[in-house]
Amino acid sequence: MAVYRPKYKDSKTGELVTSAIWWYEFNFAGRRVRESSKSTRKTIATLAEENRRKELQRAYAGQGASEPAAQRVRTVKNALDTYQKTYPINHRPKSVTVVKERAPHIEKHLGSLLMPDLTEDRTRRTWPLGN
């Protein structure tokens, strides 16, 4: 468990500046989870990290899901790769071409999201309209 404030280079002065927002980072099921707590308070960031870990643990445990645990906590990129491999089996070549054209764009914007996070709200925050 790591709660930290990232540093970035100020574009005007070129100095290294510490962000006011706290972030958290941890490994879960062989994957690194690194997200903003959207808070300037360290205690809130620590709670946000704990809540996020619990959320992933519930998803990993299944709570009603019929998929194997490894499938429940995987990235959109992994799911998209699997989809692209199996899609040509029962679809026309023109449809396969469309999937091949669209997949890189989806992967660019949503590829790093974990499948349990693929909600409408999270997708809208990750992929703003107009892109």
C-alpha atoms as a PDB file:
ATOM      1  CA  MET A   1       0.000   0.000   0.000  1.00  0.00           C
ATOM      2  CA  ALA A   2       1.426   3.317  -1.049  1.00  0.00           C
ATOM      3  CA  VAL A   3      -0.149   6.720  -0.799  1.00  0.00           C
ATOM      4  CA  TYR A   4       1.898   9.479  -2.391  1.00  0.00           C
ATOM      5  CA  ARG A   5       1.816  12.864  -4.059  1.00  0.00           C
ATOM      6  CA  PRO A   6       3.385  12.732  -7.522  1.00  0.00           C
ATOM      7  CA  LYS A   7       5.880  15.299  -8.708  1.00  0.00           C
ATOM      8  CA  TYR A   8       5.772  16.958 -12.085  1.00  0.00           C
ATOM      9  CA  LYS A   9       7.772  19.528 -13.972  1.00  0.00           C
ATOM     10  CA  ASP A  10       6.196  22.983 -14.073  1.00  0.00           C
ATOM     11  CA  SER A  11       5.905  24.018 -17.726  1.00  0.00           C
ATOM     12  CA  LYS A  12       6.519  27.710 -16.960  1.00  0.00           C
ATOM     13  CA  THR A  13       9.463  27.561 -14.552  1.00  0.00           C
ATOM     14  CA  GLY A  14      10.844  24.103 -15.254  1.00  0.00           C
ATOM     15  CA  GLU A  15      10.994  23.350 -11.520  1.00  0.00           C
ATOM     16  CA  LEU A  16       9.885  20.084  -9.951  1.00  0.00           C
ATOM     17  CA  VAL A  17       6.573  20.648  -8.159  1.00  0.00           C
ATOM     18  CA  THR A  18       4.728  18.304  -5.787  1.00  0.00           C
ATOM     19  CA  SER A  19       1.059  17.796  -6.641  1.00  0.00           C
ATOM     20  CA  ALA A  20      -1.568  18.797  -4.090  1.00  0.00           C
ATOM     21  CA  ILE A  21      -3.609  15.675  -4.901  1.00  0.00           C
ATOM     22  CA  TRP A  22      -2.751  12.345  -3.256  1.00  0.00           C
ATOM     23  CA  TRP A  23      -2.553   9.149  -5.327  1.00  0.00           C
ATOM     24  CA  TYR A  24      -2.433   5.501  -4.291  1.00  0.00           C
ATOM     25  CA  GLU A  25      -0.756   2.479  -5.817  1.00  0.00           C
ATOM     26  CA  PHE A  26      -0.870  -1.240  -5.056  1.00  0.00           C
ATOM     27  CA  ASN A  27      -0.664  -4.621  -6.776  1.00  0.00           C
ATOM     28  CA  PHE A  28      -3.721  -6.817  -7.012  1.00  0.00           C
ATOM     29  CA  ALA A  29      -4.002 -10.189  -8.765  1.00  0.00           C
ATOM     30  CA  GLY A  30      -0.719  -9.578 -10.555  1.00  0.00           C
ATOM     31  CA  ARG A  31      -1.751  -6.158 -11.825  1.00  0.00           C
ATOM     32  CA  ARG A  32      -0.689  -2.709 -10.711  1.00  0.00           C
ATOM     33  CA  VAL A  33      -3.483  -0.363  -9.703  1.00  0.00           C
ATOM     34  CA  ARG A  34      -2.481   3.306  -9.629  1.00  0.00           C
ATOM     35  CA  GLU A  35      -5.213   5.918  -9.318  1.00  0.00           C
ATOM     36  CA  SER A  36      -5.887   9.395  -8.026  1.00  0.00           C
ATOM     37  CA  SER A  37      -7.715   9.734  -4.725  1.00  0.00           C
ATOM     38  CA  LYS A  38      -9.024  13.105  -5.957  1.00  0.00           C
ATOM     39  CA  SER A  39      -8.305  14.488  -2.500  1.00  0.00           C
ATOM     40  CA  THR A  40      -5.766  16.824  -0.974  1.00  0.00           C
ATOM     41  CA  ARG A  41      -5.973  15.008   2.370  1.00  0.00           C
ATOM     42  CA  LYS A  42      -3.783  11.999   3.050  1.00  0.00           C
ATOM     43  CA  THR A  43      -6.328  10.336   5.357  1.00  0.00           C
ATOM     44  CA  ILE A  44      -8.982  10.472   2.633  1.00  0.00           C
ATOM     45  CA  ALA A  45      -6.487   9.030   0.139  1.00  0.00           C
ATOM     46  CA  THR A  46      -5.709   6.134   2.494  1.00  0.00           C
ATOM     47  CA  LEU A  47      -9.430   5.387   2.877  1.00  0.00           C
ATOM     48  CA  ALA A  48      -9.924   5.624  -0.892  1.00  0.00           C
ATOM     49  CA  GLU A  49      -7.148   3.072  -1.392  1.00  0.00           C
ATOM     50  CA  GLU A  50      -8.677   0.679   1.144  1.00  0.00           C
ATOM     51  CA  ASN A  51     -12.113   1.010  -0.458  1.00  0.00           C
ATOM     52  CA  ARG A  52     -10.685   0.408  -3.943  1.00  0.00           C
ATOM     53  CA  ARG A  53      -8.842  -2.700  -2.763  1.00  0.00           C
ATOM     54  CA  LYS A  54     -12.016  -4.059  -1.132  1.00  0.00           C
ATOM     55  CA  GLU A  55     -13.986  -3.356  -4.308  1.00  0.00           C
ATOM     56  CA  LEU A  56     -11.475  -5.356  -6.368  1.00  0.00           C
ATOM     57  CA  GLN A  57     -11.450  -8.178  -3.812  1.00  0.00           C
ATOM     58  CA  ARG A  58     -15.243  -8.462  -4.041  1.00  0.00           C
ATOM     59  CA  ALA A  59     -15.031  -8.564  -7.833  1.00  0.00           C
ATOM     60  CA  TYR A  60     -12.253 -11.153  -7.651  1.00  0.00           C
ATOM     61  CA  ALA A  61     -14.252 -13.291  -5.209  1.00  0.00           C
ATOM     62  CA  GLY A  62     -17.064 -13.355  -7.709  1.00  0.00           C
ATOM     63  CA  GLN A  63     -20.080 -12.585  -5.594  1.00  0.00           C
ATOM     64  CA  GLY A  64     -22.429 -14.211  -8.072  1.00  0.00           C
ATOM     65  CA  ALA A  65     -20.124 -14.275 -11.088  1.00  0.00           C
ATOM     66  CA  SER A  66     -19.633 -17.495 -13.008  1.00  0.00           C
ATOM     67  CA  GLU A  67     -16.275 -16.583 -14.585  1.00  0.00           C
ATOM     68  CA  PRO A  68     -12.948 -17.843 -13.236  1.00  0.00           C
ATOM     69  CA  ALA A  69     -11.148 -15.391 -10.940  1.00  0.00           C
ATOM     70  CA  ALA A  70      -8.426 -14.586 -13.482  1.00  0.00           C
ATOM     71  CA  GLN A  71     -11.087 -13.509 -15.993  1.00  0.00           C
ATOM     72  CA  ARG A  72     -12.882 -11.210 -13.535  1.00  0.00           C
ATOM     73  CA  VAL A  73      -9.860  -9.004 -12.878  1.00  0.00           C
ATOM     74  CA  ARG A  74      -8.377  -8.377 -16.283  1.00  0.00           C
ATOM     75  CA  THR A  75      -7.906  -5.274 -18.354  1.00  0.00           C
ATOM     76  CA  VAL A  76     -10.083  -4.131 -21.229  1.00  0.00           C
ATOM     77  CA  LYS A  77      -7.045  -4.616 -23.487  1.00  0.00           C
ATOM     78  CA  ASN A  78      -6.879  -8.329 -22.590  1.00  0.00           C
ATOM     79  CA  ALA A  79     -10.615  -8.752 -23.191  1.00  0.00           C
ATOM     80  CA  LEU A  80     -10.363  -6.894 -26.506  1.00  0.00           C
ATOM     81  CA  ASP A  81      -7.471  -9.104 -27.640  1.00  0.00           C
ATOM     82  CA  THR A  82      -9.503 -12.226 -26.905  1.00  0.00           C
ATOM     83  CA  TYR A  83     -12.525 -10.745 -28.682  1.00  0.00           C
ATOM     84  CA  GLN A  84     -10.475  -9.939 -31.787  1.00  0.00           C
ATOM     85  CA  LYS A  85      -9.083 -13.471 -31.955  1.00  0.00           C
ATOM     86  CA  THR A  86     -12.496 -15.148 -31.822  1.00  0.00           C
ATOM     87  CA  TYR A  87     -14.563 -12.575 -33.765  1.00  0.00           C
ATOM     88  CA  PRO A  88     -13.564 -13.685 -37.314  1.00  0.00           C
ATOM     89  CA  ILE A  89     -14.900 -17.213 -36.734  1.00  0.00           C
ATOM     90  CA  ASN A  90     -18.579 -16.380 -37.268  1.00  0.00           C
ATOM     91  CA  HIS A  91     -18.524 -12.964 -38.930  1.00  0.00           C
ATOM     92  CA  ARG A  92     -18.122 -11.545 -42.399  1.00  0.00           C
ATOM     93  CA  PRO A  93     -14.749 -10.154 -43.532  1.00  0.00           C
ATOM     94  CA  LYS A  94     -16.177  -6.632 -43.725  1.00  0.00           C
ATOM     95  CA  SER A  95     -17.272  -6.819 -40.072  1.00  0.00           C
ATOM     96  CA  VAL A  96     -13.858  -8.149 -39.060  1.00  0.00           C
ATOM     97  CA  THR A  97     -12.250  -5.156 -40.814  1.00  0.00           C
ATOM     98  CA  VAL A  98     -14.456  -2.752 -38.850  1.00  0.00           C
ATOM     99  CA  VAL A  99     -13.422  -4.374 -35.550  1.00  0.00           C
ATOM    100  CA  LYS A 100      -9.745  -4.162 -36.515  1.00  0.00           C
ATOM    101  CA  GLU A 101     -10.146  -0.463 -37.340  1.00  0.00           C
ATOM    102  CA  ARG A 102     -11.981   0.419 -34.112  1.00  0.00           C
ATOM    103  CA  ALA A 103     -10.021  -1.715 -31.640  1.00  0.00           C
ATOM    104  CA  PRO A 104      -6.881   0.490 -31.445  1.00  0.00           C
ATOM    105  CA  HIS A 105      -9.017   3.510 -30.554  1.00  0.00           C
ATOM    106  CA  ILE A 106     -10.834   1.623 -27.800  1.00  0.00           C
ATOM    107  CA  GLU A 107      -7.542   0.231 -26.533  1.00  0.00           C
ATOM    108  CA  LYS A 108      -5.990   3.698 -26.459  1.00  0.00           C
ATOM    109  CA  HIS A 109      -8.720   5.150 -24.255  1.00  0.00           C
ATOM    110  CA  LEU A 110      -9.959   2.195 -22.200  1.00  0.00           C
ATOM    111  CA  GLY A 111      -7.228  -0.443 -22.484  1.00  0.00           C
ATOM    112  CA  SER A 112      -5.790   0.036 -19.007  1.00  0.00           C
ATOM    113  CA  LEU A 113      -9.171  -0.103 -17.212  1.00  0.00           C
ATOM    114  CA  LEU A 114      -9.956  -3.259 -15.285  1.00  0.00           C
ATOM    115  CA  MET A 115     -13.140  -5.045 -16.321  1.00  0.00           C
ATOM    116  CA  PRO A 116     -14.925  -4.490 -12.969  1.00  0.00           C
ATOM    117  CA  ASP A 117     -14.396  -0.751 -13.544  1.00  0.00           C
ATOM    118  CA  LEU A 118     -16.084  -0.711 -16.928  1.00  0.00           C
ATOM    119  CA  THR A 119     -19.147   1.227 -15.861  1.00  0.00           C
ATOM    120  CA  GLU A 120     -20.828   4.025 -17.765  1.00  0.00           C
ATOM    121  CA  ASP A 121     -19.672   6.668 -15.284  1.00  0.00           C
ATOM    122  CA  ARG A 122     -16.040   5.500 -15.291  1.00  0.00           C
ATOM    123  CA  THR A 123     -16.017   5.228 -19.080  1.00  0.00           C
ATOM    124  CA  ARG A 124     -17.313   8.794 -19.463  1.00  0.00           C
ATOM    125  CA  ARG A 125     -14.550  10.092 -17.156  1.00  0.00           C
ATOM    126  CA  THR A 126     -11.880   8.124 -19.051  1.00  0.00           C
ATOM    127  CA  TRP A 127     -13.160   8.772 -22.564  1.00  0.00           C
ATOM    128  CA  PRO A 128     -14.547  12.343 -22.832  1.00  0.00           C
ATOM    129  CA  LEU A 129     -16.966  13.118 -25.624  1.00  0.00           C
ATOM    130  CA  GLY A 130     -15.422  14.531 -28.732  1.00  0.00           C
ATOM    131  CA  ASN A 131     -12.304  12.324 -28.783  1.00  0.00           C
END
